[in-house]
Structures are given as structure tokens and as C-alpha cells.
Amino acid sequence: MRKISIIGVLIGGVADILATNVAAIPIVVYVMATSPNLATLPQAQQTAAVMAAIQANVGIYLTLGVLGAICSVLGGYVAALIAKRAQVLNGALSAYLCIGSGIWALFAGHEQLPIWLHILLLPLSPGLGAAGGYLRALQLRRRAQVALTGAA
């Protein structure tokens, strides 16, 4: 348990979700601006229409997926940076919000993918967080090597 940094994991998870939402804003705004008659729909239907437009466009859907993956790596990196120990473990644990929301969506019936694919992709989030932690560990190793050798 001493290897886990609760603060690092919590902040890394929030960084993942926050960065994902901020990165998605321009894409959602674009979809809203290019969707005809969206303004005439009631608020509840607007959200559904935007989600349908995103899912109908493979390029936009994949772009959002790649941005989410990059943000999960970032969240893992932040967790590892704050933890200052067991970087890969703390990076992987930073995916707790993604895993929690994915499980909630599954049980609430709000998944946006086929169930089999949704279940298959759930472990991807901690893997991406672990990759962020691994990047931090590599960075620390490189700094230690540079300090020992004096070479940049």
C-alpha cells in the first residue's frame, strides 16, 4: 500500500477526465455548428442529436477516441509525477474514473458501443494510464543517467 499515492491517483484521474473534456470541446462545437436544424430541437434532443452525429462520422469518432487515449496517458503521467514512486502502478490506478464511468454506463444501459466491444475496451484505460506512468519512469531514468554521465 505504501507504493500507492492516493493524492497522485486522485489528481491523475481528474486530470484525465478534465483534459478529455477540454480536448473534446472544439470537436463538439464543430459538430453542433455543422449539424442542420440542431437549434430548433429541444435541449434533451440536441444532446442525442450531437451524439448521433458524432457516432455517424467515423473520423470524428476516432479523433475523439484518440484524444481520450492521449488524455489517459496524460492522467497516468500526472499521477506518476505526483506519486514520485511506483510510477507505472500509480499511472494505471489513475484510470479509476474512466473505469467507474465505463462500468456505470454498462449497467445503466448508456454504452455507446456494442457491449462486447465496451467490455473489451475497459482494460485499455488503465493500460494507457500505465503507459503515462512508464513515460514518467523513463524520464526519471534518463535524468539519472545524464546526472551520472554528465552528458546530455
Protein backbone atom coordinates (compact mmCIF):
# COMPACT_ATOMS: atom_id res chain seq x y z
CA MET A 1 0.00 0.00 0.00
CA ARG A 2 2.94 2.33 0.57
CA LYS A 3 3.58 2.31 -3.16
CA ILE A 4 0.21 3.91 -3.93
CA SER A 5 -0.12 7.67 -3.75
CA ILE A 6 -3.80 8.42 -3.10
CA ILE A 7 -3.31 12.11 -3.96
CA GLY A 8 -1.42 11.26 -7.15
CA VAL A 9 -4.06 8.76 -8.26
CA LEU A 10 -6.94 11.12 -7.47
CA ILE A 11 -5.38 14.09 -9.25
CA GLY A 12 -4.25 11.95 -12.19
CA GLY A 13 -7.79 10.62 -12.65
CA VAL A 14 -9.27 14.10 -12.54
CA ALA A 15 -6.59 15.33 -14.97
CA ASP A 16 -7.54 12.52 -17.38
CA ILE A 17 -11.27 13.35 -17.35
CA LEU A 18 -10.76 17.12 -17.35
CA ALA A 19 -8.27 17.02 -20.23
CA THR A 20 -10.53 14.69 -22.22
CA ASN A 21 -13.50 17.02 -21.84
CA VAL A 22 -11.47 20.14 -22.68
CA ALA A 23 -9.97 18.44 -25.75
CA ALA A 24 -13.42 17.36 -26.93
CA ILE A 25 -14.97 20.84 -26.74
CA PRO A 26 -13.77 22.10 -30.16
CA ILE A 27 -14.93 18.89 -31.84
CA VAL A 28 -18.36 19.01 -30.21
CA VAL A 29 -18.68 22.69 -31.14
CA TYR A 30 -17.78 21.79 -34.73
CA VAL A 31 -20.40 19.03 -34.81
CA MET A 32 -23.00 21.38 -33.38
CA ALA A 33 -22.14 24.12 -35.89
CA THR A 34 -22.32 21.77 -38.86
CA SER A 35 -25.47 19.91 -37.83
CA PRO A 36 -28.50 21.37 -39.60
CA ASN A 37 -31.62 22.24 -37.59
CA LEU A 38 -29.94 21.47 -34.27
CA ALA A 39 -31.00 24.78 -32.74
CA THR A 40 -34.66 24.04 -33.40
CA LEU A 41 -34.60 20.84 -31.30
CA PRO A 42 -35.44 20.78 -27.59
CA GLN A 43 -32.39 20.62 -25.26
CA ALA A 44 -32.76 16.90 -24.48
CA GLN A 45 -32.96 16.05 -28.17
CA GLN A 46 -29.99 18.29 -29.02
CA THR A 47 -27.66 16.16 -26.91
CA ALA A 48 -28.92 12.98 -28.53
CA ALA A 49 -28.58 14.53 -32.00
CA VAL A 50 -24.99 15.63 -31.34
CA MET A 51 -24.08 12.15 -30.06
CA ALA A 52 -25.71 10.56 -33.11
CA ALA A 53 -23.81 12.91 -35.44
CA ILE A 54 -20.51 12.05 -33.71
CA GLN A 55 -21.17 8.32 -33.92
CA ALA A 56 -22.20 8.60 -37.57
CA ASN A 57 -18.89 10.20 -38.55
CA VAL A 58 -16.09 7.65 -38.18
CA GLY A 59 -13.36 10.30 -38.45
CA ILE A 60 -14.79 12.43 -35.66
CA TYR A 61 -15.49 9.38 -33.50
CA LEU A 62 -11.93 8.08 -33.93
CA THR A 63 -10.49 11.55 -33.30
CA LEU A 64 -12.36 11.74 -30.00
CA GLY A 65 -11.13 8.23 -29.14
CA VAL A 66 -7.50 9.14 -29.86
CA LEU A 67 -7.80 12.36 -27.85
CA GLY A 68 -9.28 10.38 -24.96
CA ALA A 69 -6.40 7.90 -25.15
CA ILE A 70 -3.81 10.68 -25.13
CA CYS A 71 -5.54 12.25 -22.14
CA SER A 72 -5.48 8.90 -20.31
CA VAL A 73 -1.72 8.74 -20.86
CA LEU A 74 -1.51 12.31 -19.56
CA GLY A 75 -3.53 11.37 -16.47
CA GLY A 76 -1.19 8.46 -15.79
CA TYR A 77 1.82 10.73 -16.21
CA VAL A 78 0.37 13.28 -13.78
CA ALA A 79 -0.36 10.54 -11.23
CA ALA A 80 3.20 9.23 -11.54
CA LEU A 81 4.66 12.72 -11.34
CA ILE A 82 2.84 13.43 -8.10
CA ALA A 83 3.37 9.94 -6.65
CA LYS A 84 7.17 10.02 -7.01
CA ARG A 85 7.17 6.22 -6.62
CA ALA A 86 5.79 3.15 -8.41
CA GLN A 87 5.10 5.29 -11.46
CA VAL A 88 3.50 2.57 -13.59
CA LEU A 89 1.21 1.39 -10.78
CA ASN A 90 0.04 4.89 -9.88
CA GLY A 91 -0.41 5.70 -13.57
CA ALA A 92 -2.61 2.64 -14.07
CA LEU A 93 -4.67 3.43 -10.98
CA SER A 94 -5.37 6.92 -12.30
CA ALA A 95 -7.92 5.31 -14.65
CA TYR A 96 -10.39 4.81 -11.78
CA LEU A 97 -12.82 7.45 -13.09
CA CYS A 98 -12.74 6.04 -16.63
CA ILE A 99 -13.29 2.51 -15.38
CA GLY A 100 -16.04 3.63 -13.00
CA SER A 101 -17.89 5.60 -15.65
CA GLY A 102 -17.47 2.73 -18.13
CA ILE A 103 -18.94 0.21 -15.69
CA TRP A 104 -21.74 2.61 -14.78
CA ALA A 105 -22.57 3.13 -18.48
CA LEU A 106 -22.65 -0.62 -18.98
CA PHE A 107 -25.06 -1.25 -16.11
CA ALA A 108 -27.18 1.83 -16.80
CA GLY A 109 -27.51 0.90 -20.46
CA HIS A 110 -25.77 4.07 -21.68
CA GLU A 111 -22.88 2.43 -23.51
CA GLN A 112 -22.21 3.90 -26.93
CA LEU A 113 -20.59 0.77 -28.33
CA PRO A 114 -21.68 -2.82 -28.65
CA ILE A 115 -21.47 -4.42 -25.19
CA TRP A 116 -18.75 -6.90 -26.22
CA LEU A 117 -16.56 -4.05 -27.52
CA HIS A 118 -17.26 -1.92 -24.46
CA ILE A 119 -16.14 -4.75 -22.17
CA LEU A 120 -13.10 -5.42 -24.36
CA LEU A 121 -12.02 -1.76 -24.20
CA LEU A 122 -12.43 -1.32 -20.41
CA PRO A 123 -8.88 -2.56 -19.62
CA LEU A 124 -7.47 -0.13 -22.19
CA SER A 125 -7.83 2.83 -19.83
CA PRO A 126 -5.57 1.50 -17.04
CA GLY A 127 -3.15 0.36 -19.73
CA LEU A 128 -2.97 3.88 -21.13
CA GLY A 129 -2.56 5.30 -17.62
CA ALA A 130 0.24 2.80 -17.00
CA ALA A 131 1.86 3.99 -20.25
CA GLY A 132 1.83 7.53 -18.86
CA GLY A 133 3.43 6.28 -15.66
CA TYR A 134 6.00 4.40 -17.70
CA LEU A 135 6.84 7.59 -19.63
CA ARG A 136 7.48 9.32 -16.31
CA ALA A 137 9.67 6.42 -15.14
CA LEU A 138 11.66 6.61 -18.40
CA GLN A 139 12.08 10.32 -17.93
CA LEU A 140 13.41 9.81 -14.40
CA ARG A 141 15.78 7.06 -15.60
CA ARG A 142 17.13 9.28 -18.35
CA ARG A 143 17.70 12.14 -15.91
CA ALA A 144 19.57 9.78 -13.58
CA GLN A 145 21.76 8.58 -16.45
CA VAL A 146 22.51 12.14 -17.53
CA ALA A 147 23.39 13.08 -13.94
CA LEU A 148 25.77 10.11 -13.68
CA THR A 149 27.47 10.59 -17.02
CA GLY A 150 27.20 14.37 -17.28
CA ALA A 151 26.12 14.01 -20.92
CA ALA A 152 23.00 15.50 -22.39
